[in-house]
Amino acid sequence: MKQKDIALIVVIIVVSAVFSYFISKAIFVKPSTRQQLVEVVRPITTDFPQPDSRFFNTSAYDPTAPINVTQNTNANPFSQATNQ
């Protein structure tokens, strides 16, 4: 290699380094602008309010819905016809 070639390679490296420095400053976010506001979460407490009696059946096995247990008179439960 000639000395002119080495000088040209050094100039290209310096120019590309300066160019990439300014491009990276424009692309990447600064630490001061990286902060984000978030919603504050209420702490969990041991207090639990009683559910509404319109939706909560306390006398049922499944407290969310009443249970009906009846004798099934249908001999073939998977057929389309029902015996009622």
PDB file of N, CA and C in Angstrom:
ATOM      1  N   MET A   1       0.842  -1.189   0.000  1.00  0.00           N
ATOM      2  CA  MET A   1       0.000   0.000   0.000  1.00  0.00           C
ATOM      3  C   MET A   1       0.881   1.245   0.000  1.00  0.00           C
ATOM      4  N   LYS A   2       0.367   2.213  -0.662  1.00  0.00           N
ATOM      5  CA  LYS A   2       1.081   3.481  -0.684  1.00  0.00           C
ATOM      6  C   LYS A   2       0.651   4.324   0.516  1.00  0.00           C
ATOM      7  N   GLN A   3       1.413   5.310   0.801  1.00  0.00           N
ATOM      8  CA  GLN A   3       1.116   6.170   1.941  1.00  0.00           C
ATOM      9  C   GLN A   3      -0.175   6.960   1.698  1.00  0.00           C
ATOM     10  N   LYS A   4      -0.485   7.261   0.433  1.00  0.00           N
ATOM     11  CA  LYS A   4      -1.733   7.963   0.108  1.00  0.00           C
ATOM     12  C   LYS A   4      -2.941   7.090   0.438  1.00  0.00           C
ATOM     13  N   ASP A   5      -2.829   5.794   0.219  1.00  0.00           N
ATOM     14  CA  ASP A   5      -3.937   4.884   0.523  1.00  0.00           C
ATOM     15  C   ASP A   5      -4.192   4.802   2.032  1.00  0.00           C
ATOM     16  N   ILE A   6      -3.129   4.745   2.809  1.00  0.00           N
ATOM     17  CA  ILE A   6      -3.274   4.684   4.266  1.00  0.00           C
ATOM     18  C   ILE A   6      -3.903   5.978   4.784  1.00  0.00           C
ATOM     19  N   ALA A   7      -3.487   7.112   4.251  1.00  0.00           N
ATOM     20  CA  ALA A   7      -4.061   8.399   4.660  1.00  0.00           C
ATOM     21  C   ALA A   7      -5.538   8.467   4.297  1.00  0.00           C
ATOM     22  N   LEU A   8      -5.898   7.955   3.139  1.00  0.00           N
ATOM     23  CA  LEU A   8      -7.311   7.954   2.717  1.00  0.00           C
ATOM     24  C   LEU A   8      -8.148   7.056   3.627  1.00  0.00           C
ATOM     25  N   ILE A   9      -7.611   5.914   4.001  1.00  0.00           N
ATOM     26  CA  ILE A   9      -8.345   5.006   4.904  1.00  0.00           C
ATOM     27  C   ILE A   9      -8.531   5.656   6.275  1.00  0.00           C
ATOM     28  N   VAL A  10      -7.526   6.328   6.787  1.00  0.00           N
ATOM     29  CA  VAL A  10      -7.618   7.020   8.080  1.00  0.00           C
ATOM     30  C   VAL A  10      -8.657   8.131   8.012  1.00  0.00           C
ATOM     31  N   VAL A  11      -8.684   8.881   6.937  1.00  0.00           N
ATOM     32  CA  VAL A  11      -9.673   9.963   6.781  1.00  0.00           C
ATOM     33  C   VAL A  11     -11.084   9.373   6.726  1.00  0.00           C
ATOM     34  N   ILE A  12     -11.275   8.287   6.008  1.00  0.00           N
ATOM     35  CA  ILE A  12     -12.595   7.650   5.916  1.00  0.00           C
ATOM     36  C   ILE A  12     -13.031   7.142   7.288  1.00  0.00           C
ATOM     37  N   ILE A  13     -12.118   6.565   8.063  1.00  0.00           N
ATOM     38  CA  ILE A  13     -12.456   6.084   9.409  1.00  0.00           C
ATOM     39  C   ILE A  13     -12.855   7.235  10.315  1.00  0.00           C
ATOM     40  N   VAL A  14     -12.137   8.332  10.277  1.00  0.00           N
ATOM     41  CA  VAL A  14     -12.442   9.489  11.130  1.00  0.00           C
ATOM     42  C   VAL A  14     -13.786  10.084  10.742  1.00  0.00           C
ATOM     43  N   VAL A  15     -14.038  10.258   9.457  1.00  0.00           N
ATOM     44  CA  VAL A  15     -15.299  10.842   8.995  1.00  0.00           C
ATOM     45  C   VAL A  15     -16.477   9.933   9.367  1.00  0.00           C
ATOM     46  N   SER A  16     -16.309   8.616   9.174  1.00  0.00           N
ATOM     47  CA  SER A  16     -17.405   7.706   9.514  1.00  0.00           C
ATOM     48  C   SER A  16     -17.631   7.645  11.019  1.00  0.00           C
ATOM     49  N   ALA A  17     -16.588   7.784  11.828  1.00  0.00           N
ATOM     50  CA  ALA A  17     -16.745   7.795  13.283  1.00  0.00           C
ATOM     51  C   ALA A  17     -17.513   9.031  13.739  1.00  0.00           C
ATOM     52  N   VAL A  18     -17.165  10.184  13.193  1.00  0.00           N
ATOM     53  CA  VAL A  18     -17.883  11.420  13.545  1.00  0.00           C
ATOM     54  C   VAL A  18     -19.335  11.336  13.075  1.00  0.00           C
ATOM     55  N   PHE A  19     -19.551  10.848  11.880  1.00  0.00           N
ATOM     56  CA  PHE A  19     -20.912  10.712  11.340  1.00  0.00           C
ATOM     57  C   PHE A  19     -21.740   9.746  12.202  1.00  0.00           C
ATOM     58  N   SER A  20     -21.186   8.601  12.571  1.00  0.00           N
ATOM     59  CA  SER A  20     -21.930   7.638  13.380  1.00  0.00           C
ATOM     60  C   SER A  20     -22.185   8.166  14.791  1.00  0.00           C
ATOM     61  N   TYR A  21     -21.275   8.984  15.318  1.00  0.00           N
ATOM     62  CA  TYR A  21     -21.492   9.579  16.641  1.00  0.00           C
ATOM     63  C   TYR A  21     -22.726  10.472  16.629  1.00  0.00           C
ATOM     64  N   PHE A  22     -22.851  11.337  15.640  1.00  0.00           N
ATOM     65  CA  PHE A  22     -23.998  12.243  15.590  1.00  0.00           C
ATOM     66  C   PHE A  22     -25.296  11.503  15.253  1.00  0.00           C
ATOM     67  N   ILE A  23     -25.235  10.501  14.430  1.00  0.00           N
ATOM     68  CA  ILE A  23     -26.432   9.706  14.113  1.00  0.00           C
ATOM     69  C   ILE A  23     -26.904   8.959  15.351  1.00  0.00           C
ATOM     70  N   SER A  24     -25.981   8.390  16.119  1.00  0.00           N
ATOM     71  CA  SER A  24     -26.378   7.660  17.332  1.00  0.00           C
ATOM     72  C   SER A  24     -26.960   8.596  18.380  1.00  0.00           C
ATOM     73  N   LYS A  25     -26.475   9.821  18.468  1.00  0.00           N
ATOM     74  CA  LYS A  25     -27.056  10.804  19.392  1.00  0.00           C
ATOM     75  C   LYS A  25     -28.498  11.132  19.000  1.00  0.00           C
ATOM     76  N   ALA A  26     -28.792  11.130  17.725  1.00  0.00           N
ATOM     77  CA  ALA A  26     -30.133  11.451  17.257  1.00  0.00           C
ATOM     78  C   ALA A  26     -31.081  10.266  17.425  1.00  0.00           C
ATOM     79  N   ILE A  27     -30.565   9.051  17.315  1.00  0.00           N
ATOM     80  CA  ILE A  27     -31.424   7.866  17.366  1.00  0.00           C
ATOM     81  C   ILE A  27     -31.716   7.422  18.794  1.00  0.00           C
ATOM     82  N   PHE A  28     -30.686   7.290  19.610  1.00  0.00           N
ATOM     83  CA  PHE A  28     -30.860   6.737  20.948  1.00  0.00           C
ATOM     84  C   PHE A  28     -31.386   7.792  21.916  1.00  0.00           C
ATOM     85  N   VAL A  29     -32.174   7.323  22.883  1.00  0.00           N
ATOM     86  CA  VAL A  29     -32.827   8.215  23.841  1.00  0.00           C
ATOM     87  C   VAL A  29     -31.866   8.554  24.971  1.00  0.00           C
ATOM     88  N   LYS A  30     -31.932   9.793  25.420  1.00  0.00           N
ATOM     89  CA  LYS A  30     -31.102  10.224  26.539  1.00  0.00           C
ATOM     90  C   LYS A  30     -31.682   9.667  27.839  1.00  0.00           C
ATOM     91  N   PRO A  31     -30.868   9.414  28.841  1.00  0.00           N
ATOM     92  CA  PRO A  31     -31.376   8.892  30.116  1.00  0.00           C
ATOM     93  C   PRO A  31     -32.377   9.827  30.791  1.00  0.00           C
ATOM     94  N   SER A  32     -32.265  11.123  30.579  1.00  0.00           N
ATOM     95  CA  SER A  32     -33.204  12.048  31.215  1.00  0.00           C
ATOM     96  C   SER A  32     -34.605  11.946  30.623  1.00  0.00           C
ATOM     97  N   THR A  33     -34.728  11.531  29.368  1.00  0.00           N
ATOM     98  CA  THR A  33     -36.047  11.405  28.742  1.00  0.00           C
ATOM     99  C   THR A  33     -36.559   9.972  28.751  1.00  0.00           C
ATOM    100  N   ARG A  34     -35.836   9.058  29.402  1.00  0.00           N
ATOM    101  CA  ARG A  34     -36.238   7.667  29.452  1.00  0.00           C
ATOM    102  C   ARG A  34     -37.258   7.383  30.555  1.00  0.00           C
ATOM    103  N   GLN A  35     -37.551   8.340  31.371  1.00  0.00           N
ATOM    104  CA  GLN A  35     -38.463   8.120  32.483  1.00  0.00           C
ATOM    105  C   GLN A  35     -39.898   8.165  31.998  1.00  0.00           C
ATOM    106  N   GLN A  36     -40.743   7.347  32.651  1.00  0.00           N
ATOM    107  CA  GLN A  36     -42.139   7.265  32.258  1.00  0.00           C
ATOM    108  C   GLN A  36     -42.998   7.293  33.515  1.00  0.00           C
ATOM    109  N   LEU A  37     -44.122   7.988  33.450  1.00  0.00           N
ATOM    110  CA  LEU A  37     -45.032   8.050  34.583  1.00  0.00           C
ATOM    111  C   LEU A  37     -45.920   6.823  34.585  1.00  0.00           C
ATOM    112  N   VAL A  38     -46.130   6.267  35.779  1.00  0.00           N
ATOM    113  CA  VAL A  38     -46.959   5.077  35.914  1.00  0.00           C
ATOM    114  C   VAL A  38     -48.031   5.328  36.956  1.00  0.00           C
ATOM    115  N   GLU A  39     -49.074   4.530  36.892  1.00  0.00           N
ATOM    116  CA  GLU A  39     -50.169   4.642  37.837  1.00  0.00           C
ATOM    117  C   GLU A  39     -49.749   4.033  39.170  1.00  0.00           C
ATOM    118  N   VAL A  40     -50.114   4.705  40.253  1.00  0.00           N
ATOM    119  CA  VAL A  40     -49.773   4.218  41.584  1.00  0.00           C
ATOM    120  C   VAL A  40     -50.784   3.144  41.979  1.00  0.00           C
ATOM    121  N   VAL A  41     -50.284   2.018  42.434  1.00  0.00           N
ATOM    122  CA  VAL A  41     -51.136   0.896  42.805  1.00  0.00           C
ATOM    123  C   VAL A  41     -51.464   0.987  44.291  1.00  0.00           C
ATOM    124  N   ARG A  42     -52.744   0.757  44.614  1.00  0.00           N
ATOM    125  CA  ARG A  42     -53.138   0.761  46.016  1.00  0.00           C
ATOM    126  C   ARG A  42     -52.597  -0.498  46.694  1.00  0.00           C
ATOM    127  N   PRO A  43     -52.164  -0.392  47.936  1.00  0.00           N
ATOM    128  CA  PRO A  43     -51.662  -1.580  48.630  1.00  0.00           C
ATOM    129  C   PRO A  43     -52.802  -2.549  48.941  1.00  0.00           C
ATOM    130  N   ILE A  44     -52.466  -3.830  49.018  1.00  0.00           N
ATOM    131  CA  ILE A  44     -53.458  -4.860  49.335  1.00  0.00           C
ATOM    132  C   ILE A  44     -53.726  -4.828  50.836  1.00  0.00           C
ATOM    133  N   THR A  45     -54.997  -4.854  51.189  1.00  0.00           N
ATOM    134  CA  THR A  45     -55.365  -4.843  52.606  1.00  0.00           C
ATOM    135  C   THR A  45     -56.109  -6.125  52.961  1.00  0.00           C
ATOM    136  N   THR A  46     -56.304  -6.326  54.256  1.00  0.00           N
ATOM    137  CA  THR A  46     -57.031  -7.514  54.715  1.00  0.00           C
ATOM    138  C   THR A  46     -58.530  -7.271  54.754  1.00  0.00           C
ATOM    139  N   ASP A  47     -58.958  -6.063  54.502  1.00  0.00           N
ATOM    140  CA  ASP A  47     -60.395  -5.765  54.496  1.00  0.00           C
ATOM    141  C   ASP A  47     -60.999  -6.216  53.176  1.00  0.00           C
ATOM    142  N   PHE A  48     -62.082  -6.995  53.263  1.00  0.00           N
ATOM    143  CA  PHE A  48     -62.761  -7.467  52.065  1.00  0.00           C
ATOM    144  C   PHE A  48     -64.243  -7.161  52.233  1.00  0.00           C
ATOM    145  N   PRO A  49     -64.814  -6.323  51.377  1.00  0.00           N
ATOM    146  CA  PRO A  49     -66.224  -5.967  51.546  1.00  0.00           C
ATOM    147  C   PRO A  49     -67.128  -7.164  51.230  1.00  0.00           C
ATOM    148  N   GLN A  50     -68.289  -7.205  51.893  1.00  0.00           N
ATOM    149  CA  GLN A  50     -69.257  -8.261  51.629  1.00  0.00           C
ATOM    150  C   GLN A  50     -69.842  -8.076  50.235  1.00  0.00           C
ATOM    151  N   PRO A  51     -70.011  -9.162  49.477  1.00  0.00           N
ATOM    152  CA  PRO A  51     -70.582  -9.038  48.133  1.00  0.00           C
ATOM    153  C   PRO A  51     -72.065  -8.674  48.186  1.00  0.00           C
ATOM    154  N   ASP A  52     -72.547  -8.158  47.095  1.00  0.00           N
ATOM    155  CA  ASP A  52     -73.948  -7.756  46.995  1.00  0.00           C
ATOM    156  C   ASP A  52     -74.843  -8.991  47.076  1.00  0.00           C
ATOM    157  N   SER A  53     -75.890  -8.924  47.880  1.00  0.00           N
ATOM    158  CA  SER A  53     -76.776 -10.080  48.065  1.00  0.00           C
ATOM    159  C   SER A  53     -77.599 -10.375  46.814  1.00  0.00           C
ATOM    160  N   ARG A  54     -77.695  -9.439  45.888  1.00  0.00           N
ATOM    161  CA  ARG A  54     -78.409  -9.708  44.635  1.00  0.00           C
ATOM    162  C   ARG A  54     -77.658 -10.719  43.780  1.00  0.00           C
ATOM    163  N   PHE A  55     -76.346 -10.762  43.905  1.00  0.00           N
ATOM    164  CA  PHE A  55     -75.542 -11.633  43.066  1.00  0.00           C
ATOM    165  C   PHE A  55     -74.905 -12.785  43.831  1.00  0.00           C
ATOM    166  N   PHE A  56     -74.975 -12.774  45.137  1.00  0.00           N
ATOM    167  CA  PHE A  56     -74.272 -13.767  45.948  1.00  0.00           C
ATOM    168  C   PHE A  56     -75.289 -14.558  46.763  1.00  0.00           C
ATOM    169  N   ASN A  57     -75.464 -15.837  46.447  1.00  0.00           N
ATOM    170  CA  ASN A  57     -76.397 -16.706  47.138  1.00  0.00           C
ATOM    171  C   ASN A  57     -75.627 -17.469  48.216  1.00  0.00           C
ATOM    172  N   THR A  58     -75.818 -17.119  49.472  1.00  0.00           N
ATOM    173  CA  THR A  58     -75.042 -17.724  50.552  1.00  0.00           C
ATOM    174  C   THR A  58     -75.492 -19.137  50.878  1.00  0.00           C
ATOM    175  N   SER A  59     -76.694 -19.544  50.475  1.00  0.00           N
ATOM    176  CA  SER A  59     -77.166 -20.880  50.811  1.00  0.00           C
ATOM    177  C   SER A  59     -76.874 -21.906  49.714  1.00  0.00           C
ATOM    178  N   ALA A  60     -76.222 -21.530  48.662  1.00  0.00           N
ATOM    179  CA  ALA A  60     -75.930 -22.447  47.556  1.00  0.00           C
ATOM    180  C   ALA A  60     -74.541 -23.060  47.740  1.00  0.00           C
ATOM    181  N   TYR A  61     -74.352 -24.240  47.150  1.00  0.00           N
ATOM    182  CA  TYR A  61     -73.038 -24.883  47.178  1.00  0.00           C
ATOM    183  C   TYR A  61     -72.037 -24.035  46.393  1.00  0.00           C
ATOM    184  N   ASP A  62     -72.424 -23.639  45.182  1.00  0.00           N
ATOM    185  CA  ASP A  62     -71.650 -22.686  44.394  1.00  0.00           C
ATOM    186  C   ASP A  62     -72.237 -21.323  44.716  1.00  0.00           C
ATOM    187  N   PRO A  63     -71.549 -20.492  45.452  1.00  0.00           N
ATOM    188  CA  PRO A  63     -72.150 -19.256  45.937  1.00  0.00           C
ATOM    189  C   PRO A  63     -72.541 -18.269  44.851  1.00  0.00           C
ATOM    190  N   THR A  64     -72.180 -18.519  43.610  1.00  0.00           N
ATOM    191  CA  THR A  64     -72.532 -17.566  42.563  1.00  0.00           C
ATOM    192  C   THR A  64     -73.845 -17.896  41.882  1.00  0.00           C
ATOM    193  N   ALA A  65     -74.390 -19.105  42.070  1.00  0.00           N
ATOM    194  CA  ALA A  65     -75.637 -19.475  41.403  1.00  0.00           C
ATOM    195  C   ALA A  65     -76.365 -20.529  42.231  1.00  0.00           C
ATOM    196  N   PRO A  66     -77.700 -20.496  42.259  1.00  0.00           N
ATOM    197  CA  PRO A  66     -78.447 -21.531  42.975  1.00  0.00           C
ATOM    198  C   PRO A  66     -78.311 -22.886  42.272  1.00  0.00           C
ATOM    199  N   ILE A  67     -78.384 -23.966  43.057  1.00  0.00           N
ATOM    200  CA  ILE A  67     -78.234 -25.307  42.508  1.00  0.00           C
ATOM    201  C   ILE A  67     -79.565 -26.023  42.587  1.00  0.00           C
ATOM    202  N   ASN A  68     -79.983 -26.630  41.476  1.00  0.00           N
ATOM    203  CA  ASN A  68     -81.184 -27.456  41.414  1.00  0.00           C
ATOM    204  C   ASN A  68     -80.752 -28.889  41.172  1.00  0.00           C
ATOM    205  N   VAL A  69     -81.058 -29.777  42.116  1.00  0.00           N
ATOM    206  CA  VAL A  69     -80.723 -31.186  41.945  1.00  0.00           C
ATOM    207  C   VAL A  69     -82.040 -31.936  41.838  1.00  0.00           C
ATOM    208  N   THR A  70     -82.310 -32.513  40.664  1.00  0.00           N
ATOM    209  CA  THR A  70     -83.545 -33.272  40.443  1.00  0.00           C
ATOM    210  C   THR A  70     -83.194 -34.619  39.830  1.00  0.00           C
ATOM    211  N   GLN A  71     -84.121 -35.533  39.911  1.00  0.00           N
ATOM    212  CA  GLN A  71     -83.913 -36.855  39.328  1.00  0.00           C
ATOM    213  C   GLN A  71     -84.073 -36.758  37.815  1.00  0.00           C
ATOM    214  N   ASN A  72     -83.147 -37.353  37.081  1.00  0.00           N
ATOM    215  CA  ASN A  72     -83.195 -37.343  35.635  1.00  0.00           C
ATOM    216  C   ASN A  72     -84.010 -38.552  35.176  1.00  0.00           C
ATOM    217  N   THR A  73     -85.125 -38.314  34.478  1.00  0.00           N
ATOM    218  CA  THR A  73     -85.981 -39.401  34.013  1.00  0.00           C
ATOM    219  C   THR A  73     -85.686 -39.779  32.566  1.00  0.00           C
ATOM    220  N   ASN A  74     -84.753 -39.125  31.960  1.00  0.00           N
ATOM    221  CA  ASN A  74     -84.421 -39.407  30.570  1.00  0.00           C
ATOM    222  C   ASN A  74     -83.519 -40.641  30.518  1.00  0.00           C
ATOM    223  N   ALA A  75     -83.972 -41.716  29.870  1.00  0.00           N
ATOM    224  CA  ALA A  75     -83.188 -42.946  29.791  1.00  0.00           C
ATOM    225  C   ALA A  75     -82.017 -42.802  28.834  1.00  0.00           C
ATOM    226  N   ASN A  76     -82.160 -41.963  27.842  1.00  0.00           N
ATOM    227  CA  ASN A  76     -81.112 -41.751  26.862  1.00  0.00           C
ATOM    228  C   ASN A  76     -80.736 -40.258  26.878  1.00  0.00           C
ATOM    229  N   PRO A  77     -79.834 -39.843  27.728  1.00  0.00           N
ATOM    230  CA  PRO A  77     -79.583 -38.410  27.912  1.00  0.00           C
ATOM    231  C   PRO A  77     -78.906 -37.733  26.725  1.00  0.00           C
ATOM    232  N   PHE A  78     -78.307 -38.516  25.815  1.00  0.00           N
ATOM    233  CA  PHE A  78     -77.611 -37.903  24.695  1.00  0.00           C
ATOM    234  C   PHE A  78     -78.421 -37.858  23.422  1.00  0.00           C
ATOM    235  N   SER A  79     -79.679 -38.151  23.490  1.00  0.00           N
ATOM    236  CA  SER A  79     -80.535 -38.109  22.302  1.00  0.00           C
ATOM    237  C   SER A  79     -81.161 -36.719  22.172  1.00  0.00           C
ATOM    238  N   GLN A  80     -81.791 -36.468  21.029  1.00  0.00           N
ATOM    239  CA  GLN A  80     -82.412 -35.161  20.794  1.00  0.00           C
ATOM    240  C   GLN A  80     -83.732 -35.028  21.553  1.00  0.00           C
ATOM    241  N   ALA A  81     -84.466 -36.135  21.720  1.00  0.00           N
ATOM    242  CA  ALA A  81     -85.756 -36.082  22.409  1.00  0.00           C
ATOM    243  C   ALA A  81     -85.558 -36.110  23.906  1.00  0.00           C
ATOM    244  N   THR A  82     -86.448 -35.414  24.632  1.00  0.00           N
ATOM    245  CA  THR A  82     -86.379 -35.414  26.101  1.00  0.00           C
ATOM    246  C   THR A  82     -87.677 -35.931  26.674  1.00  0.00           C
ATOM    247  N   ASN A  83     -87.621 -36.645  27.762  1.00  0.00           N
ATOM    248  CA  ASN A  83     -88.802 -37.137  28.473  1.00  0.00           C
ATOM    249  C   ASN A  83     -89.024 -36.230  29.677  1.00  0.00           C
ATOM    250  N   GLN A  84     -90.023 -35.409  29.596  1.00  0.00           N
ATOM    251  CA  GLN A  84     -90.282 -34.509  30.736  1.00  0.00           C
ATOM    252  C   GLN A  84     -91.687 -34.671  31.226  1.00  0.00           C
TER     253      GLN A  84
END
